Amino acid sequence: MKNIQLSGGILVVAGSFLPLVHVPVIGSWNYWNLEPALAVACWLFAAGAVFGVVNNKVKTTRIFAVLLILLFLFTLFAVKYQTAQYFSFMPFASWREKLAGIVKLRWGWIVEFAGAFIMLFANGRKGKV
């Protein structure tokens, strides 16, 4: 099961380079384009989870996996909130919603969440079912 949990860590790190948000005209952004501090936090949490996997510390792995999921949820909320606030100068609410809606989430989030959930739910102890 260690290999499965390690693959979850690899998915999280690789997911930080995949497209997470698509902004028209500018293109797709990954974690490093969105906010480098969040990308560093993602890597630190992934490293902590991998440390727990390598040292057979199931509780440590699960804590860092939960922290990763919370970080991803925070980032999703922040992206949606920031895009809504970015167009706050528009006089009509319908225009704001329409323009904020052009910023789309991309498929990289699936990889990020999949890696975190794999680390969270994969059983780290041998002999347990």
C-alpha atoms as a PDB file:
ATOM      1  CA  MET A   1       0.000   0.000   0.000  1.00  0.00           C
ATOM      2  CA  LYS A   2       2.983   2.278   0.383  1.00  0.00           C
ATOM      3  CA  ASN A   3       3.322   2.435  -3.396  1.00  0.00           C
ATOM      4  CA  ILE A   4      -0.269   3.565  -3.767  1.00  0.00           C
ATOM      5  CA  GLN A   5       0.179   6.305  -1.187  1.00  0.00           C
ATOM      6  CA  LEU A   6       3.466   7.384  -2.770  1.00  0.00           C
ATOM      7  CA  SER A   7       1.720   7.589  -6.138  1.00  0.00           C
ATOM      8  CA  GLY A   8      -0.797   9.914  -4.474  1.00  0.00           C
ATOM      9  CA  GLY A   9       2.069  12.181  -3.422  1.00  0.00           C
ATOM     10  CA  ILE A  10       3.442  12.130  -6.949  1.00  0.00           C
ATOM     11  CA  LEU A  11      -0.002  13.042  -8.293  1.00  0.00           C
ATOM     12  CA  VAL A  12      -0.205  16.032  -5.955  1.00  0.00           C
ATOM     13  CA  VAL A  13       3.230  17.331  -6.944  1.00  0.00           C
ATOM     14  CA  ALA A  14       2.611  16.701 -10.652  1.00  0.00           C
ATOM     15  CA  GLY A  15      -0.820  18.307 -10.374  1.00  0.00           C
ATOM     16  CA  SER A  16       0.756  21.577  -9.298  1.00  0.00           C
ATOM     17  CA  PHE A  17       2.172  21.882 -12.826  1.00  0.00           C
ATOM     18  CA  LEU A  18      -1.061  20.972 -14.618  1.00  0.00           C
ATOM     19  CA  PRO A  19      -3.593  23.572 -15.780  1.00  0.00           C
ATOM     20  CA  LEU A  20      -5.885  24.500 -12.899  1.00  0.00           C
ATOM     21  CA  VAL A  21      -7.562  27.696 -14.106  1.00  0.00           C
ATOM     22  CA  HIS A  22      -8.187  28.960 -17.634  1.00  0.00           C
ATOM     23  CA  VAL A  23      -8.268  32.715 -18.108  1.00  0.00           C
ATOM     24  CA  PRO A  24      -9.302  33.797 -21.620  1.00  0.00           C
ATOM     25  CA  VAL A  25      -6.635  35.637 -23.612  1.00  0.00           C
ATOM     26  CA  ILE A  26      -3.996  34.866 -20.950  1.00  0.00           C
ATOM     27  CA  GLY A  27      -4.274  31.061 -21.043  1.00  0.00           C
ATOM     28  CA  SER A  28      -4.132  28.284 -18.482  1.00  0.00           C
ATOM     29  CA  TRP A  29      -2.553  28.757 -15.079  1.00  0.00           C
ATOM     30  CA  ASN A  30      -1.091  26.165 -12.741  1.00  0.00           C
ATOM     31  CA  TYR A  31      -0.464  26.509  -8.990  1.00  0.00           C
ATOM     32  CA  TRP A  32       2.796  28.363  -9.603  1.00  0.00           C
ATOM     33  CA  ASN A  33       1.041  30.951 -11.781  1.00  0.00           C
ATOM     34  CA  LEU A  34      -1.874  31.372  -9.378  1.00  0.00           C
ATOM     35  CA  GLU A  35       0.129  31.986  -6.228  1.00  0.00           C
ATOM     36  CA  PRO A  36       3.662  30.714  -5.611  1.00  0.00           C
ATOM     37  CA  ALA A  37       3.143  30.705  -1.828  1.00  0.00           C
ATOM     38  CA  LEU A  38       0.216  28.295  -2.201  1.00  0.00           C
ATOM     39  CA  ALA A  39       2.304  26.121  -4.508  1.00  0.00           C
ATOM     40  CA  VAL A  40       5.090  25.976  -1.913  1.00  0.00           C
ATOM     41  CA  ALA A  41       2.535  25.093   0.780  1.00  0.00           C
ATOM     42  CA  CYS A  42       1.186  22.346  -1.494  1.00  0.00           C
ATOM     43  CA  TRP A  43       4.672  20.905  -1.942  1.00  0.00           C
ATOM     44  CA  LEU A  44       5.443  21.124   1.787  1.00  0.00           C
ATOM     45  CA  PHE A  45       2.215  19.328   2.701  1.00  0.00           C
ATOM     46  CA  ALA A  46       2.903  16.696   0.032  1.00  0.00           C
ATOM     47  CA  ALA A  47       6.430  16.237   1.393  1.00  0.00           C
ATOM     48  CA  GLY A  48       5.019  15.839   4.903  1.00  0.00           C
ATOM     49  CA  ALA A  49       2.568  13.221   3.672  1.00  0.00           C
ATOM     50  CA  VAL A  50       5.305  11.341   1.810  1.00  0.00           C
ATOM     51  CA  PHE A  51       7.450  11.498   4.952  1.00  0.00           C
ATOM     52  CA  GLY A  52       4.585   9.859   6.836  1.00  0.00           C
ATOM     53  CA  VAL A  53       4.239   7.176   4.156  1.00  0.00           C
ATOM     54  CA  VAL A  54       7.950   6.347   4.116  1.00  0.00           C
ATOM     55  CA  ASN A  55       8.137   6.155   7.918  1.00  0.00           C
ATOM     56  CA  ASN A  56       4.871   4.174   8.287  1.00  0.00           C
ATOM     57  CA  LYS A  57       3.193   7.031  10.179  1.00  0.00           C
ATOM     58  CA  VAL A  58      -0.408   6.639   9.082  1.00  0.00           C
ATOM     59  CA  LYS A  59      -1.671   9.479  11.268  1.00  0.00           C
ATOM     60  CA  THR A  60       0.930  11.898   9.879  1.00  0.00           C
ATOM     61  CA  THR A  61       0.059  10.929   6.326  1.00  0.00           C
ATOM     62  CA  ARG A  62      -3.644  11.432   6.928  1.00  0.00           C
ATOM     63  CA  ILE A  63      -3.142  14.787   8.656  1.00  0.00           C
ATOM     64  CA  PHE A  64      -1.116  16.106   5.728  1.00  0.00           C
ATOM     65  CA  ALA A  65      -3.615  14.667   3.233  1.00  0.00           C
ATOM     66  CA  VAL A  66      -6.429  16.521   5.006  1.00  0.00           C
ATOM     67  CA  LEU A  67      -4.318  19.686   5.007  1.00  0.00           C
ATOM     68  CA  LEU A  68      -3.817  19.276   1.261  1.00  0.00           C
ATOM     69  CA  ILE A  69      -7.549  18.899   0.685  1.00  0.00           C
ATOM     70  CA  LEU A  70      -8.237  21.992   2.800  1.00  0.00           C
ATOM     71  CA  LEU A  71      -5.583  23.912   0.859  1.00  0.00           C
ATOM     72  CA  PHE A  72      -7.173  22.894  -2.442  1.00  0.00           C
ATOM     73  CA  LEU A  73     -10.642  23.903  -1.236  1.00  0.00           C
ATOM     74  CA  PHE A  74      -9.272  27.237   0.003  1.00  0.00           C
ATOM     75  CA  THR A  75      -7.612  27.845  -3.357  1.00  0.00           C
ATOM     76  CA  LEU A  76     -10.813  27.034  -5.247  1.00  0.00           C
ATOM     77  CA  PHE A  77     -12.765  29.422  -3.042  1.00  0.00           C
ATOM     78  CA  ALA A  78     -10.103  32.119  -3.426  1.00  0.00           C
ATOM     79  CA  VAL A  79     -10.070  31.811  -7.221  1.00  0.00           C
ATOM     80  CA  LYS A  80     -13.860  32.100  -7.444  1.00  0.00           C
ATOM     81  CA  TYR A  81     -13.956  34.983  -4.962  1.00  0.00           C
ATOM     82  CA  GLN A  82     -11.109  36.838  -6.656  1.00  0.00           C
ATOM     83  CA  THR A  83     -12.693  36.567 -10.087  1.00  0.00           C
ATOM     84  CA  ALA A  84     -15.986  37.863  -8.696  1.00  0.00           C
ATOM     85  CA  GLN A  85     -14.205  40.796  -7.026  1.00  0.00           C
ATOM     86  CA  TYR A  86     -12.050  41.522 -10.055  1.00  0.00           C
ATOM     87  CA  PHE A  87     -15.109  42.616 -12.030  1.00  0.00           C
ATOM     88  CA  SER A  88     -16.747  44.539  -9.171  1.00  0.00           C
ATOM     89  CA  PHE A  89     -16.376  47.820 -11.093  1.00  0.00           C
ATOM     90  CA  MET A  90     -19.108  46.723 -13.529  1.00  0.00           C
ATOM     91  CA  PRO A  91     -22.376  48.600 -12.916  1.00  0.00           C
ATOM     92  CA  PHE A  92     -24.740  45.634 -13.302  1.00  0.00           C
ATOM     93  CA  ALA A  93     -24.611  42.413 -11.330  1.00  0.00           C
ATOM     94  CA  SER A  94     -25.468  40.341 -14.396  1.00  0.00           C
ATOM     95  CA  TRP A  95     -22.397  41.719 -16.208  1.00  0.00           C
ATOM     96  CA  ARG A  96     -20.191  40.918 -13.218  1.00  0.00           C
ATOM     97  CA  GLU A  97     -21.486  37.347 -13.058  1.00  0.00           C
ATOM     98  CA  LYS A  98     -21.075  36.871 -16.799  1.00  0.00           C
ATOM     99  CA  LEU A  99     -17.490  38.152 -16.831  1.00  0.00           C
ATOM    100  CA  ALA A 100     -16.565  36.231 -13.690  1.00  0.00           C
ATOM    101  CA  GLY A 101     -17.976  33.115 -15.337  1.00  0.00           C
ATOM    102  CA  ILE A 102     -15.463  33.236 -18.180  1.00  0.00           C
ATOM    103  CA  VAL A 103     -12.693  32.125 -15.807  1.00  0.00           C
ATOM    104  CA  LYS A 104     -12.979  28.331 -15.846  1.00  0.00           C
ATOM    105  CA  LEU A 105     -11.531  25.628 -13.640  1.00  0.00           C
ATOM    106  CA  ARG A 106      -9.476  23.034 -15.501  1.00  0.00           C
ATOM    107  CA  TRP A 107      -8.785  19.310 -15.217  1.00  0.00           C
ATOM    108  CA  GLY A 108      -5.681  19.649 -13.037  1.00  0.00           C
ATOM    109  CA  TRP A 109      -7.893  19.859  -9.954  1.00  0.00           C
ATOM    110  CA  ILE A 110      -9.004  16.270 -10.520  1.00  0.00           C
ATOM    111  CA  VAL A 111      -5.376  15.119 -10.308  1.00  0.00           C
ATOM    112  CA  GLU A 112      -4.718  17.228  -7.206  1.00  0.00           C
ATOM    113  CA  PHE A 113      -7.758  15.959  -5.315  1.00  0.00           C
ATOM    114  CA  ALA A 114      -7.218  12.369  -6.497  1.00  0.00           C
ATOM    115  CA  GLY A 115      -3.668  12.362  -5.124  1.00  0.00           C
ATOM    116  CA  ALA A 116      -4.762  13.773  -1.767  1.00  0.00           C
ATOM    117  CA  PHE A 117      -7.670  11.338  -1.441  1.00  0.00           C
ATOM    118  CA  ILE A 118      -5.436   8.405  -2.386  1.00  0.00           C
ATOM    119  CA  MET A 119      -3.053   9.341   0.417  1.00  0.00           C
ATOM    120  CA  LEU A 120      -5.953   9.821   2.806  1.00  0.00           C
ATOM    121  CA  PHE A 121      -7.875   6.615   2.161  1.00  0.00           C
ATOM    122  CA  ALA A 122      -5.190   4.128   1.112  1.00  0.00           C
ATOM    123  CA  ASN A 123      -4.448   1.856   4.030  1.00  0.00           C
ATOM    124  CA  GLY A 124      -0.827   2.329   5.058  1.00  0.00           C
ATOM    125  CA  ARG A 125      -0.389  -0.764   7.224  1.00  0.00           C
ATOM    126  CA  LYS A 126       0.424  -4.204   5.906  1.00  0.00           C
ATOM    127  CA  GLY A 127      -1.875  -7.036   6.880  1.00  0.00           C
ATOM    128  CA  LYS A 128      -4.879  -4.808   7.499  1.00  0.00           C
ATOM    129  CA  VAL A 129      -7.788  -4.944   5.118  1.00  0.00           C
END
